[in-house]
Amino acid sequence: MSFIILPPSQASNPTPADSDVNVSVTTTLSWMAGDRAASHNVYFGTESTPPLVSSSYTDTTYDPGQLSNGTTYYWRIDENNARGTTTGTIWSFTTIPLPGQASLPNPADEANNFSVNGVISWTAGSNATLHIVYFGTESPGTLIGEQFETIYDPPGALEAGVTYYWRIDEKNAGGTTTGIVWSFTPIVKIMPLGDSITEGAGSAYAWGYREPLYNSLINSDCRFDFVGSLSDGNFADPNHDGHYGWRADEILNGRTSEPNAGKLTDWLPVSQPDVILLHIGTNDITQGNQDANEVNSILNVIDAYETANNKDVNVILALIIDRVPNAQATTLYNNDLNSMAASRIANGDHIVIVNMQNVLNYSTDMADVLHPNDSGYAKMANVWYSALVYVVTGQRILICSSTEGGSVTQPGEGTFLYGNSTDVNITATPDTHFHFVNWTGTGVVADKVANPNSVSTTIRMDNAYTLVANFSIDTYLVTANAGANGTVDPTSIFKDYGSSQIFTATPATGYTVDKWQLDDADVQSGGTTYTLSTITAGHTVVVNFKILTYTISASAGTNGSIDPAGDITKDYGSSQLFTATPDTGYEVNEWTL
């Protein structure tokens, strides 16, 4: 009897499993060898009848190398031994495809109406598990990182008028698909909100402060859009939400007599403002219902809108204009507004307070009791503009001025705009016979001026600042000295250029002023005062004193003589002996003085 080996059984338990999908492109093939198999013939490829890639292979794993994404591969393992070869089953698997490109960008590519506080979003590419975000002001954007979400909220407000670029690369286990570079240029959406003063009542052109404010923003190259449910005034951007005759509570809740006008919660999601210019309370005061708490409620509604829409809204809150005649109620209301808003600001609310009450000349800037004329509205526009430049554009305001005796020659005097954190050169130039003292102002208080005592230095513009160049007229030291036997006042004094100084000499008892000298030259004989006129340099004044002298006239009556006789000059405090000689037969009868 004899025995022979049986053929091998088929290979089994393939990895990847038969018909598996989303298989890694770096997978390794493995299987369980058939019984009695001594070696293996490996067939592998993209055809349903794969080609032989290795024969008499002794391992039960095989590395096919880097595979292609989204491709179906076929493979078979034939088992060998001395008896022969057993053909295996053809298995297949499909590798993971690359993710599709991200699409449907929001904002749309090259959009120019996107909010500076907007959040960008996109539709994920097919099979994407991660999104690689690029965002910045240079194409394709700066790498931000990987994330699971299909939205990205840029930190802080974007800068209006600046073009931003972004790209989303889609990623999964199979690799990364590079996205399209998109771009957009954001604008600031500004909602003028309030009553008839916001509408422009009293303006000859029905645009109030809005048209001059529009022009100022345009001239500053700001990218913006006035938004609101109303439109008044024939100019390029007349939208607003200034509702004639409305009180603060009606802005909140709507007006029964105007049900179609809506209310704040209706206007916000439609207009989607980034900035709200809020001037409200005039009609409340007229009706005796003024209450800063109503404005506080308006601000609460705005906060709720921000939270619900993941959006930052800056409110520029006006302390409202007064009326004719001035009303104490306006001042009290504004004081309450200021306190309320300051408390909210301290808790992180985005509010800027502007004072409109003190801007107008109520004799010349009013069209009627309540409403400004176009001159008054222009002044209001200037106040809104100054706040908007800071809040919206990222530009910082520098206001330069000077005291008498010089000027700011770099950058000049007036109002200037700079990018945030710009280092600005400042130079002060004194007039003739004046000198620079120092810089003062809010920029110095905030420690943003490199050297406040230098005529030429820099200021870091990370906020709105004022600077004042202080000058003083040149001064000169005039020293006065007194000789012996007297004093002079003053003895030492600094005097302004071109001024005069009176010096007063006080002789000691028995002395008088002899002469005055200026810089060693005799300038005046006698006199207890001396005036030094038109001082243009330092000087030394000297006053000299001399003792007082007196004339004594000596004479004798008849029948005798006196010695010395006649006029005799004697110093103060001295003595003189006189001798009388009577004639024969006579004697001195008496001395008289």
Protein backbone atom coordinates (compact mmCIF):
# COMPACT_ATOMS: atom_id res chain seq x y z
CA MET A 1 0.00 0.00 0.00
CA SER A 2 1.22 3.55 -0.76
CA PHE A 3 0.02 7.09 -0.05
CA ILE A 4 0.11 10.32 -2.05
CA ILE A 5 -0.38 13.93 -0.88
CA LEU A 6 -3.71 15.52 -1.54
CA PRO A 7 -3.95 18.81 -3.45
CA PRO A 8 -4.16 21.96 -1.27
CA SER A 9 -7.50 23.38 -0.31
CA GLN A 10 -8.47 26.92 -1.36
CA ALA A 11 -7.19 30.03 0.43
CA SER A 12 -9.83 31.70 2.61
CA ASN A 13 -10.60 34.60 4.98
CA PRO A 14 -9.34 37.39 2.71
CA THR A 15 -8.42 40.84 4.09
CA PRO A 16 -9.80 43.17 2.80
CA ALA A 17 -12.98 41.15 2.81
CA ASP A 18 -14.56 40.33 -0.49
CA SER A 19 -16.50 43.31 -1.92
CA ASP A 20 -15.25 45.60 0.88
CA VAL A 21 -15.41 49.36 0.19
CA ASN A 22 -13.57 52.46 1.42
CA VAL A 23 -10.43 50.43 1.77
CA SER A 24 -7.22 52.33 2.51
CA VAL A 25 -4.95 52.96 -0.46
CA THR A 26 -2.07 51.61 1.60
CA THR A 27 -3.76 48.35 2.57
CA THR A 28 -1.88 45.04 2.75
CA LEU A 29 -3.52 41.86 1.43
CA SER A 30 -3.70 38.84 3.72
CA TRP A 31 -5.44 35.50 3.72
CA MET A 32 -5.59 32.12 5.45
CA ALA A 33 -3.58 29.48 3.60
CA GLY A 34 -5.37 26.43 2.34
CA ASP A 35 -4.64 23.09 3.99
CA ARG A 36 -1.49 21.47 2.68
CA ALA A 37 -0.50 24.59 0.73
CA ALA A 38 3.27 24.92 0.38
CA SER A 39 3.25 28.18 -1.59
CA HIS A 40 0.90 30.70 -3.14
CA ASN A 41 0.45 32.27 -6.53
CA VAL A 42 -0.78 35.86 -6.12
CA TYR A 43 -2.95 37.48 -8.76
CA PHE A 44 -3.79 41.20 -8.39
CA GLY A 45 -5.03 44.05 -10.58
CA THR A 46 -7.91 46.21 -11.71
CA GLU A 47 -9.27 43.68 -14.21
CA SER A 48 -11.85 41.14 -13.17
CA THR A 49 -9.37 38.44 -14.19
CA PRO A 50 -6.31 39.78 -12.41
CA PRO A 51 -2.80 39.04 -13.64
CA LEU A 52 -0.20 37.00 -11.78
CA VAL A 53 2.05 39.28 -9.74
CA SER A 54 3.95 36.69 -7.66
CA SER A 55 4.37 32.90 -7.92
CA SER A 56 5.51 30.37 -5.36
CA TYR A 57 5.04 33.08 -2.73
CA THR A 58 5.52 31.68 0.74
CA ASP A 59 4.02 34.42 2.97
CA THR A 60 0.28 34.91 3.60
CA THR A 61 0.47 38.71 3.33
CA TYR A 62 1.20 40.75 0.25
CA ASP A 63 1.86 44.50 -0.14
CA PRO A 64 0.48 45.73 -3.48
CA GLY A 65 2.02 49.19 -3.01
CA GLN A 66 0.26 52.54 -3.20
CA LEU A 67 -3.22 52.05 -4.62
CA SER A 68 -5.42 54.53 -6.43
CA ASN A 69 -8.38 56.21 -4.75
CA GLY A 70 -11.88 55.10 -5.66
CA THR A 71 -10.68 52.06 -7.64
CA THR A 72 -11.95 48.46 -7.59
CA TYR A 73 -9.21 45.86 -7.34
CA TYR A 74 -9.48 42.11 -7.97
CA TRP A 75 -7.25 39.42 -6.49
CA ARG A 76 -6.91 35.69 -6.20
CA ILE A 77 -4.69 33.31 -4.30
CA ASP A 78 -3.91 29.90 -5.90
CA GLU A 79 -2.49 27.34 -3.49
CA ASN A 80 0.43 25.08 -4.51
CA ASN A 81 1.93 21.82 -3.28
CA ALA A 82 3.63 18.82 -4.78
CA ARG A 83 0.36 17.38 -5.93
CA GLY A 84 -0.58 20.50 -7.90
CA THR A 85 -2.34 23.85 -7.75
CA THR A 86 -5.76 24.68 -6.46
CA THR A 87 -7.32 27.76 -8.08
CA GLY A 88 -8.67 30.28 -5.61
CA THR A 89 -11.79 32.44 -5.57
CA ILE A 90 -11.57 35.90 -7.15
CA TRP A 91 -12.13 38.52 -4.47
CA SER A 92 -12.55 42.28 -4.90
CA PHE A 93 -12.48 45.48 -2.89
CA THR A 94 -12.81 49.18 -3.66
CA THR A 95 -10.48 51.80 -2.24
CA ILE A 96 -11.73 54.92 -0.51
CA PRO A 97 -12.37 57.71 -2.99
CA LEU A 98 -10.83 61.18 -2.56
CA PRO A 99 -13.30 63.68 -1.12
CA GLY A 100 -15.14 65.92 -3.52
CA GLN A 101 -14.37 69.63 -3.64
CA ALA A 102 -16.11 72.00 -1.25
CA SER A 103 -18.82 73.99 -2.99
CA LEU A 104 -21.53 76.65 -2.58
CA PRO A 105 -19.40 79.20 -0.72
CA ASN A 106 -21.12 81.81 1.42
CA PRO A 107 -20.31 84.57 0.62
CA ALA A 108 -20.36 83.76 -3.06
CA ASP A 109 -17.09 84.11 -4.92
CA GLU A 110 -16.20 87.78 -5.52
CA ALA A 111 -19.13 88.96 -3.38
CA ASN A 112 -19.03 92.63 -2.38
CA ASN A 113 -22.03 92.81 -0.05
CA PHE A 114 -20.89 90.54 2.78
CA SER A 115 -20.94 91.83 6.34
CA VAL A 116 -17.70 92.64 8.13
CA ASN A 117 -19.06 90.53 10.99
CA GLY A 118 -20.19 87.68 8.77
CA VAL A 119 -19.45 83.97 9.21
CA ILE A 120 -18.26 82.11 6.11
CA SER A 121 -19.68 78.69 5.26
CA TRP A 122 -19.64 76.07 2.51
CA THR A 123 -21.09 72.74 1.46
CA ALA A 124 -18.78 69.83 2.24
CA GLY A 125 -17.36 67.77 -0.59
CA SER A 126 -18.59 64.18 -0.87
CA ASN A 127 -16.90 61.74 1.53
CA ALA A 128 -15.06 64.59 3.31
CA THR A 129 -14.44 64.00 7.00
CA LEU A 130 -12.28 67.03 7.73
CA HIS A 131 -12.01 70.52 6.27
CA ILE A 132 -8.70 72.38 5.99
CA VAL A 133 -9.41 76.11 6.16
CA TYR A 134 -7.28 78.80 4.54
CA PHE A 135 -8.26 82.45 5.11
CA GLY A 136 -6.50 85.81 4.74
CA THR A 137 -5.85 88.89 2.65
CA GLU A 138 -3.47 87.16 0.24
CA SER A 139 -4.42 84.28 -2.05
CA PRO A 140 -5.08 81.47 -1.19
CA GLY A 141 -5.26 82.59 2.42
CA THR A 142 -3.27 81.61 5.49
CA LEU A 143 -3.63 78.08 6.83
CA ILE A 144 -6.05 78.23 9.76
CA GLY A 145 -6.24 74.50 10.51
CA GLU A 146 -8.41 71.41 10.27
CA GLN A 147 -11.98 71.32 11.55
CA PHE A 148 -15.14 69.24 11.40
CA GLU A 149 -17.57 72.16 11.00
CA THR A 150 -18.50 73.67 7.63
CA ILE A 151 -18.49 77.22 8.99
CA TYR A 152 -15.63 79.51 9.95
CA ASP A 153 -15.98 82.68 12.02
CA PRO A 154 -12.98 84.97 11.42
CA PRO A 155 -11.71 86.43 14.70
CA GLY A 156 -12.84 90.02 15.17
CA ALA A 157 -14.47 92.22 12.58
CA LEU A 158 -13.15 92.15 9.04
CA GLU A 159 -11.95 95.36 7.45
CA ALA A 160 -14.42 96.90 5.06
CA GLY A 161 -13.13 97.38 1.53
CA VAL A 162 -10.33 94.81 1.91
CA THR A 163 -10.43 91.74 -0.31
CA TYR A 164 -10.24 88.44 1.58
CA TYR A 165 -9.29 85.09 0.05
CA TRP A 166 -10.25 81.66 1.30
CA ARG A 167 -9.99 78.03 0.32
CA ILE A 168 -11.37 74.81 1.76
CA ASP A 169 -9.39 71.62 1.16
CA GLU A 170 -11.42 68.49 1.83
CA LYS A 171 -9.82 65.54 3.59
CA ASN A 172 -10.57 61.91 4.41
CA ALA A 173 -8.58 58.74 4.95
CA GLY A 174 -7.97 58.52 1.22
CA GLY A 175 -6.23 61.91 1.00
CA THR A 176 -6.90 65.58 0.39
CA THR A 177 -8.70 67.39 -2.42
CA THR A 178 -7.55 70.96 -3.00
CA GLY A 179 -10.38 73.46 -3.12
CA ILE A 180 -11.06 76.49 -5.27
CA VAL A 181 -9.76 79.87 -4.07
CA TRP A 182 -12.71 82.15 -3.42
CA SER A 183 -12.68 85.84 -2.56
CA PHE A 184 -15.00 88.51 -1.23
CA THR A 185 -14.81 92.16 -0.18
CA PRO A 186 -16.88 92.91 2.94
CA ILE A 187 -18.89 96.02 3.67
CA VAL A 188 -20.33 97.50 6.84
CA LYS A 189 -24.11 97.51 7.12
CA ILE A 190 -25.19 100.61 9.05
CA MET A 191 -28.73 100.98 10.39
CA PRO A 192 -29.78 104.56 11.30
CA LEU A 193 -32.41 103.84 13.96
CA GLY A 194 -34.72 106.22 15.79
CA ASP A 195 -37.49 108.71 15.21
CA SER A 196 -38.09 111.72 12.94
CA ILE A 197 -34.61 113.10 13.65
CA THR A 198 -33.20 109.94 12.08
CA GLU A 199 -35.68 110.28 9.22
CA GLY A 200 -34.51 113.87 8.60
CA ALA A 201 -37.50 116.04 9.54
CA GLY A 202 -36.51 119.69 9.31
CA SER A 203 -33.99 119.02 6.56
CA ALA A 204 -34.64 120.86 3.31
CA TYR A 205 -33.76 117.65 1.46
CA ALA A 206 -35.40 115.08 3.78
CA TRP A 207 -32.10 113.31 4.40
CA GLY A 208 -31.12 114.79 7.76
CA TYR A 209 -27.70 113.68 8.94
CA ARG A 210 -27.64 110.65 6.63
CA GLU A 211 -26.51 112.31 3.38
CA PRO A 212 -23.60 114.30 4.89
CA LEU A 213 -22.58 111.19 6.82
CA TYR A 214 -22.73 109.18 3.60
CA ASN A 215 -20.44 111.69 1.88
CA SER A 216 -17.92 111.66 4.74
CA LEU A 217 -17.74 107.87 4.69
CA ILE A 218 -17.41 107.78 0.90
CA ASN A 219 -14.63 110.36 1.02
CA SER A 220 -12.81 108.15 3.53
CA ASP A 221 -12.99 105.16 1.13
CA CYS A 222 -15.29 103.27 3.50
CA ARG A 223 -17.25 100.33 2.07
CA PHE A 224 -20.69 100.44 3.64
CA ASP A 225 -24.42 100.28 3.09
CA PHE A 226 -27.14 102.11 4.96
CA VAL A 227 -29.88 99.57 5.75
CA GLY A 228 -33.42 99.80 7.07
CA SER A 229 -37.06 99.32 6.20
CA LEU A 230 -37.58 102.97 5.16
CA SER A 231 -36.13 105.24 2.50
CA ASP A 232 -36.05 109.05 2.52
CA GLY A 233 -34.00 111.69 0.74
CA ASN A 234 -32.84 111.74 -2.85
CA PHE A 235 -29.26 110.47 -2.55
CA ALA A 236 -27.37 107.27 -3.28
CA ASP A 237 -28.10 105.33 -0.06
CA PRO A 238 -31.31 106.58 1.59
CA ASN A 239 -32.34 103.52 3.68
CA HIS A 240 -32.96 103.90 7.42
CA ASP A 241 -35.29 103.00 10.26
CA GLY A 242 -36.20 106.47 11.50
CA HIS A 243 -39.91 106.32 12.33
CA TYR A 244 -41.61 109.70 12.57
CA GLY A 245 -43.16 110.38 15.97
CA TRP A 246 -42.19 107.03 17.49
CA ARG A 247 -41.14 106.49 21.08
CA ALA A 248 -38.58 103.98 22.33
CA ASP A 249 -41.28 101.52 23.40
CA GLU A 250 -42.76 101.64 19.88
CA ILE A 251 -39.38 100.79 18.36
CA LEU A 252 -39.52 97.74 20.63
CA ASN A 253 -43.14 96.70 20.23
CA GLY A 254 -44.39 98.38 17.09
CA ARG A 255 -47.08 101.02 16.70
CA THR A 256 -50.74 100.08 16.87
CA SER A 257 -51.66 102.71 14.27
CA GLU A 258 -48.98 101.45 11.86
CA PRO A 259 -49.19 97.64 12.09
CA ASN A 260 -47.38 97.09 8.79
CA ALA A 261 -44.35 99.12 9.88
CA GLY A 262 -43.11 96.29 12.06
CA LYS A 263 -40.74 96.56 15.01
CA LEU A 264 -37.09 96.06 15.84
CA THR A 265 -37.24 92.27 15.91
CA ASP A 266 -38.68 92.39 12.36
CA TRP A 267 -36.09 94.81 11.00
CA LEU A 268 -32.92 93.24 12.39
CA PRO A 269 -32.97 89.88 10.56
CA VAL A 270 -33.86 91.59 7.28
CA SER A 271 -31.29 94.38 7.43
CA GLN A 272 -28.61 92.38 9.29
CA PRO A 273 -26.79 95.50 10.52
CA ASP A 274 -23.20 95.54 11.74
CA VAL A 275 -23.62 98.99 13.28
CA ILE A 276 -26.71 100.72 14.63
CA LEU A 277 -26.86 104.51 15.01
CA LEU A 278 -29.44 104.90 17.79
CA HIS A 279 -30.99 108.31 18.53
CA ILE A 280 -34.27 107.84 20.39
CA GLY A 281 -36.19 109.63 23.16
CA THR A 282 -37.33 112.96 21.75
CA ASN A 283 -40.99 111.94 21.53
CA ASP A 284 -40.78 110.17 24.89
CA ILE A 285 -39.79 113.50 26.50
CA THR A 286 -42.51 115.38 24.63
CA GLN A 287 -45.10 112.93 25.98
CA GLY A 288 -43.55 112.79 29.44
CA ASN A 289 -42.70 109.09 29.11
CA GLN A 290 -38.91 109.26 28.91
CA ASP A 291 -37.29 106.18 30.42
CA ALA A 292 -33.74 104.98 29.80
CA ASN A 293 -34.94 101.47 30.67
CA GLU A 294 -36.81 101.39 27.35
CA VAL A 295 -33.52 102.01 25.56
CA ASN A 296 -31.95 99.33 27.73
CA SER A 297 -34.63 96.96 26.42
CA ILE A 298 -33.78 97.94 22.84
CA LEU A 299 -30.17 97.04 23.55
CA ASN A 300 -31.31 93.71 25.01
CA VAL A 301 -33.15 92.91 21.78
CA ILE A 302 -30.01 93.71 19.80
CA ASP A 303 -27.96 91.43 22.08
CA ALA A 304 -30.46 88.61 21.58
CA TYR A 305 -30.19 89.07 17.81
CA GLU A 306 -26.39 88.87 18.08
CA THR A 307 -26.56 85.65 20.09
CA ALA A 308 -29.08 84.00 17.80
CA ASN A 309 -27.10 84.85 14.68
CA ASN A 310 -23.54 84.50 16.00
CA LYS A 311 -22.99 88.10 14.98
CA ASP A 312 -21.41 91.19 16.53
CA VAL A 313 -23.39 94.42 16.31
CA ASN A 314 -21.87 97.70 17.46
CA VAL A 315 -24.32 100.27 18.77
CA ILE A 316 -23.41 103.95 18.64
CA LEU A 317 -25.78 105.41 21.21
CA ALA A 318 -26.55 109.13 21.09
CA LEU A 319 -27.21 111.30 24.06
CA ILE A 320 -30.03 113.00 22.20
CA ILE A 321 -30.23 116.60 21.03
CA ASP A 322 -32.03 119.19 23.13
CA ARG A 323 -35.00 121.28 22.04
CA VAL A 324 -35.93 124.96 21.90
CA PRO A 325 -36.11 126.19 24.56
CA ASN A 326 -33.69 123.86 26.30
CA ALA A 327 -35.38 121.27 28.50
CA GLN A 328 -33.98 120.03 31.78
CA ALA A 329 -35.77 116.75 31.05
CA THR A 330 -33.41 116.15 28.11
CA THR A 331 -30.35 116.52 30.33
CA LEU A 332 -31.79 114.20 32.97
CA TYR A 333 -32.73 111.62 30.33
CA ASN A 334 -29.27 111.79 28.77
CA ASN A 335 -27.67 111.37 32.19
CA ASP A 336 -29.73 108.21 32.69
CA LEU A 337 -28.80 106.96 29.21
CA ASN A 338 -25.14 107.58 29.89
CA SER A 339 -25.19 105.71 33.20
CA MET A 340 -27.12 102.79 31.75
CA ALA A 341 -24.82 102.47 28.73
CA ALA A 342 -21.66 102.84 30.81
CA SER A 343 -22.78 99.92 32.95
CA ARG A 344 -23.37 97.77 29.87
CA ILE A 345 -20.00 98.76 28.41
CA ALA A 346 -18.32 97.72 31.66
CA ASN A 347 -19.93 94.31 31.20
CA GLY A 348 -18.58 93.93 27.68
CA ASP A 349 -21.40 95.29 25.53
CA HIS A 350 -20.31 96.83 22.22
CA ILE A 351 -21.58 100.38 22.73
CA VAL A 352 -20.02 103.72 21.89
CA ILE A 353 -21.63 106.78 23.49
CA VAL A 354 -21.73 110.04 21.52
CA ASN A 355 -22.96 113.35 22.87
CA MET A 356 -25.33 115.06 20.45
CA GLN A 357 -26.83 117.40 23.05
CA ASN A 358 -23.77 119.64 23.16
CA VAL A 359 -23.09 119.68 19.42
CA LEU A 360 -25.73 122.08 18.16
CA ASN A 361 -26.08 125.83 18.43
CA TYR A 362 -29.73 125.96 19.39
CA SER A 363 -30.07 129.53 18.14
CA THR A 364 -28.93 128.77 14.58
CA ASP A 365 -29.06 125.00 14.04
CA MET A 366 -32.75 124.26 14.60
CA ALA A 367 -35.51 124.17 11.98
CA ASP A 368 -38.23 124.08 14.63
CA VAL A 369 -38.64 123.26 18.29
CA LEU A 370 -37.52 119.64 17.92
CA HIS A 371 -35.70 119.19 14.62
CA PRO A 372 -32.33 120.45 13.38
CA ASN A 373 -31.93 122.25 10.11
CA ASP A 374 -29.33 121.09 7.60
CA SER A 375 -26.60 122.96 9.44
CA GLY A 376 -27.47 121.12 12.63
CA TYR A 377 -27.75 117.79 10.84
CA ALA A 378 -24.29 118.31 9.34
CA LYS A 379 -22.90 118.68 12.86
CA MET A 380 -24.66 115.49 13.93
CA ALA A 381 -23.16 113.72 10.90
CA ASN A 382 -19.68 114.75 12.02
CA VAL A 383 -20.25 113.17 15.43
CA TRP A 384 -21.57 109.93 13.93
CA TYR A 385 -18.66 109.89 11.49
CA SER A 386 -16.00 110.20 14.18
CA ALA A 387 -17.48 107.24 16.04
CA LEU A 388 -18.02 105.18 12.87
CA VAL A 389 -14.44 105.61 11.72
CA TYR A 390 -13.31 104.03 14.97
CA VAL A 391 -15.95 101.30 15.19
CA VAL A 392 -16.29 100.32 11.56
CA THR A 393 -13.22 100.91 9.49
CA GLY A 394 -10.56 99.97 11.96
CA GLN A 395 -9.04 103.39 11.33
CA ARG A 396 -8.01 105.41 14.31
CA ILE A 397 -8.59 109.16 14.68
CA LEU A 398 -5.75 111.47 15.67
CA ILE A 399 -6.71 115.07 16.45
CA CYS A 400 -3.71 117.41 16.61
CA SER A 401 -3.69 120.96 17.94
CA SER A 402 -1.25 123.39 19.54
CA THR A 403 -1.03 126.19 22.02
CA GLU A 404 0.10 129.72 21.12
CA GLY A 405 3.68 129.93 19.91
CA GLY A 406 3.96 127.11 17.39
CA SER A 407 2.19 124.42 15.44
CA VAL A 408 2.12 120.71 14.70
CA THR A 409 3.89 120.43 11.37
CA GLN A 410 3.78 116.64 11.05
CA PRO A 411 1.20 115.38 10.33
CA GLY A 412 -0.32 118.87 10.68
CA GLU A 413 -3.21 120.22 12.70
CA GLY A 414 -6.72 118.84 12.48
CA THR A 415 -8.13 115.32 12.23
CA PHE A 416 -6.20 112.44 10.65
CA LEU A 417 -7.01 108.76 10.11
CA TYR A 418 -4.58 105.86 10.48
CA GLY A 419 -4.70 102.10 10.40
CA ASN A 420 -4.90 100.32 13.72
CA SER A 421 -1.56 100.19 15.61
CA THR A 422 0.23 102.40 13.07
CA ASP A 423 3.25 104.27 14.45
CA VAL A 424 2.76 107.87 13.34
CA ASN A 425 5.56 110.46 13.24
CA ILE A 426 4.67 113.72 14.99
CA THR A 427 6.68 116.95 14.90
CA ALA A 428 6.12 120.29 16.62
CA THR A 429 7.66 123.49 15.28
CA PRO A 430 7.89 126.58 17.53
CA ASP A 431 7.46 130.12 16.25
CA THR A 432 10.31 132.64 16.50
CA HIS A 433 11.12 133.44 20.14
CA PHE A 434 9.08 130.45 21.36
CA HIS A 435 10.21 126.97 22.33
CA PHE A 436 8.57 123.55 22.51
CA VAL A 437 7.56 122.38 26.00
CA ASN A 438 5.91 118.97 25.63
CA TRP A 439 3.06 116.92 24.19
CA THR A 440 -0.15 116.46 26.15
CA GLY A 441 -3.52 114.89 25.37
CA THR A 442 -5.15 111.48 25.60
CA GLY A 443 -2.34 109.89 23.59
CA VAL A 444 0.13 110.89 26.33
CA VAL A 445 -2.23 109.82 29.12
CA ALA A 446 -2.50 106.38 27.47
CA ASP A 447 1.32 106.20 27.26
CA LYS A 448 1.25 105.90 23.46
CA VAL A 449 3.68 108.75 22.73
CA ALA A 450 7.27 107.48 22.64
CA ASN A 451 8.76 110.64 24.17
CA PRO A 452 6.29 113.34 25.24
CA ASN A 453 9.16 115.77 25.84
CA SER A 454 10.67 115.46 22.37
CA VAL A 455 9.81 117.90 19.61
CA SER A 456 9.81 114.99 17.15
CA THR A 457 8.58 111.55 18.22
CA THR A 458 5.93 108.90 17.42
CA ILE A 459 2.49 107.87 18.63
CA ARG A 460 1.07 104.32 18.44
CA MET A 461 -2.44 104.63 16.97
CA ASP A 462 -4.28 101.70 18.56
CA ASN A 463 -7.22 103.89 19.56
CA ALA A 464 -8.61 107.37 18.96
CA TYR A 465 -6.31 109.97 20.51
CA THR A 466 -5.80 113.71 20.87
CA LEU A 467 -2.43 115.44 20.94
CA VAL A 468 -1.60 119.00 21.94
CA ALA A 469 1.81 120.51 21.21
CA ASN A 470 2.57 122.95 24.01
CA PHE A 471 4.83 125.93 23.46
CA SER A 472 6.16 128.68 25.69
CA ILE A 473 7.69 132.02 24.88
CA ASP A 474 11.47 132.18 25.28
CA THR A 475 12.52 133.49 28.69
CA TYR A 476 15.75 135.10 29.85
CA LEU A 477 17.38 135.34 33.23
CA VAL A 478 17.87 138.90 34.45
CA THR A 479 20.01 139.15 37.57
CA ALA A 480 20.06 142.30 39.73
CA ASN A 481 22.77 143.06 42.25
CA ALA A 482 22.97 145.85 44.80
CA GLY A 483 26.18 147.51 45.88
CA ALA A 484 26.94 148.26 49.50
CA ASN A 485 24.48 150.17 51.64
CA GLY A 486 21.25 149.16 49.91
CA THR A 487 19.11 146.42 48.33
CA VAL A 488 17.39 145.79 45.00
CA ASP A 489 14.17 143.97 44.18
CA PRO A 490 13.84 141.62 42.41
CA THR A 491 17.33 140.15 42.56
CA SER A 492 16.85 137.38 39.96
CA ILE A 493 13.95 136.81 37.56
CA PHE A 494 13.12 135.04 34.30
CA LYS A 495 11.40 137.30 31.80
CA ASP A 496 9.51 136.60 28.57
CA TYR A 497 10.95 137.71 25.28
CA GLY A 498 9.99 141.35 24.60
CA SER A 499 8.75 142.05 28.10
CA SER A 500 9.96 144.72 30.56
CA GLN A 501 10.95 144.67 34.21
CA ILE A 502 11.00 147.39 36.85
CA PHE A 503 13.70 147.15 39.49
CA THR A 504 13.37 149.01 42.77
CA ALA A 505 16.34 150.04 44.89
CA THR A 506 16.08 150.64 48.63
CA PRO A 507 19.07 152.55 50.05
CA ALA A 508 20.17 152.02 53.60
CA THR A 509 19.49 154.86 56.02
CA GLY A 510 21.64 157.78 55.15
CA TYR A 511 22.29 156.58 51.62
CA THR A 512 20.84 157.23 48.19
CA VAL A 513 21.08 155.65 44.75
CA ASP A 514 24.20 156.68 42.95
CA LYS A 515 23.71 155.02 39.56
CA TRP A 516 22.31 152.01 37.69
CA GLN A 517 24.43 149.84 35.42
CA LEU A 518 23.35 147.33 32.75
CA ASP A 519 25.94 144.73 31.81
CA ASP A 520 28.70 146.97 33.28
CA ALA A 521 27.58 150.06 31.37
CA ASP A 522 26.10 153.08 33.13
CA VAL A 523 22.47 153.49 32.07
CA GLN A 524 20.88 155.74 34.71
CA SER A 525 22.02 158.20 37.34
CA GLY A 526 20.10 158.05 40.56
CA GLY A 527 16.48 157.16 41.00
CA THR A 528 15.07 154.38 43.15
CA THR A 529 13.56 152.54 40.12
CA TYR A 530 14.98 151.40 36.84
CA THR A 531 12.96 149.93 33.93
CA LEU A 532 14.61 147.37 31.68
CA SER A 533 12.52 147.46 28.48
CA THR A 534 12.07 144.98 25.60
CA ILE A 535 14.09 142.12 27.00
CA THR A 536 15.61 139.94 24.27
CA ALA A 537 18.53 138.41 26.13
CA GLY A 538 19.88 137.74 29.61
CA HIS A 539 21.20 140.77 31.53
CA THR A 540 22.88 141.81 34.73
CA VAL A 541 21.62 144.95 36.47
CA VAL A 542 23.69 146.64 39.22
CA VAL A 543 22.58 149.51 41.43
CA ASN A 544 25.21 151.49 43.37
CA PHE A 545 24.57 153.61 46.42
CA LYS A 546 26.32 156.65 47.94
CA ILE A 547 26.05 158.27 51.29
CA LEU A 548 23.78 161.28 51.68
CA THR A 549 25.60 164.62 52.05
CA TYR A 550 24.35 167.85 53.58
CA THR A 551 25.44 171.49 53.26
CA ILE A 552 25.98 173.44 56.47
CA SER A 553 26.15 177.21 56.16
CA ALA A 554 28.07 178.81 59.05
CA SER A 555 28.06 182.58 59.74
CA ALA A 556 28.80 184.87 62.67
CA GLY A 557 26.95 187.95 63.81
CA THR A 558 28.68 191.35 64.29
CA ASN A 559 31.58 191.70 66.66
CA GLY A 560 33.00 188.21 66.06
CA SER A 561 33.77 185.39 63.61
CA ILE A 562 33.18 181.64 63.15
CA ASP A 563 35.50 178.97 61.86
CA PRO A 564 34.91 177.32 59.52
CA ALA A 565 32.69 179.86 57.92
CA GLY A 566 30.56 179.64 54.81
CA ASP A 567 29.10 176.45 53.15
CA ILE A 568 30.51 173.15 54.36
CA THR A 569 29.47 169.72 52.86
CA LYS A 570 29.25 166.88 55.35
CA ASP A 571 28.33 163.17 55.10
CA TYR A 572 25.25 161.78 56.77
CA GLY A 573 26.05 160.96 60.41
CA SER A 574 29.32 162.86 60.59
CA SER A 575 30.16 165.74 63.01
CA GLN A 576 31.55 169.24 62.60
CA LEU A 577 33.25 171.43 65.18
CA PHE A 578 32.66 175.14 64.88
CA THR A 579 34.76 177.73 66.79
CA ALA A 580 33.51 181.23 67.55
CA THR A 581 36.01 184.10 68.12
CA PRO A 582 34.45 187.25 69.70
CA ASP A 583 35.99 190.69 69.10
CA THR A 584 37.72 192.43 71.98
CA GLY A 585 35.27 193.35 74.59
CA TYR A 586 32.70 190.83 73.38
CA GLU A 587 31.68 187.30 74.27
CA VAL A 588 29.49 184.63 72.56
CA ASN A 589 25.93 185.43 73.25
CA GLU A 590 24.17 182.33 71.63
CA TRP A 591 24.37 179.61 68.88
CA THR A 592 21.42 179.07 66.61
CA LEU A 593 20.79 176.08 64.28
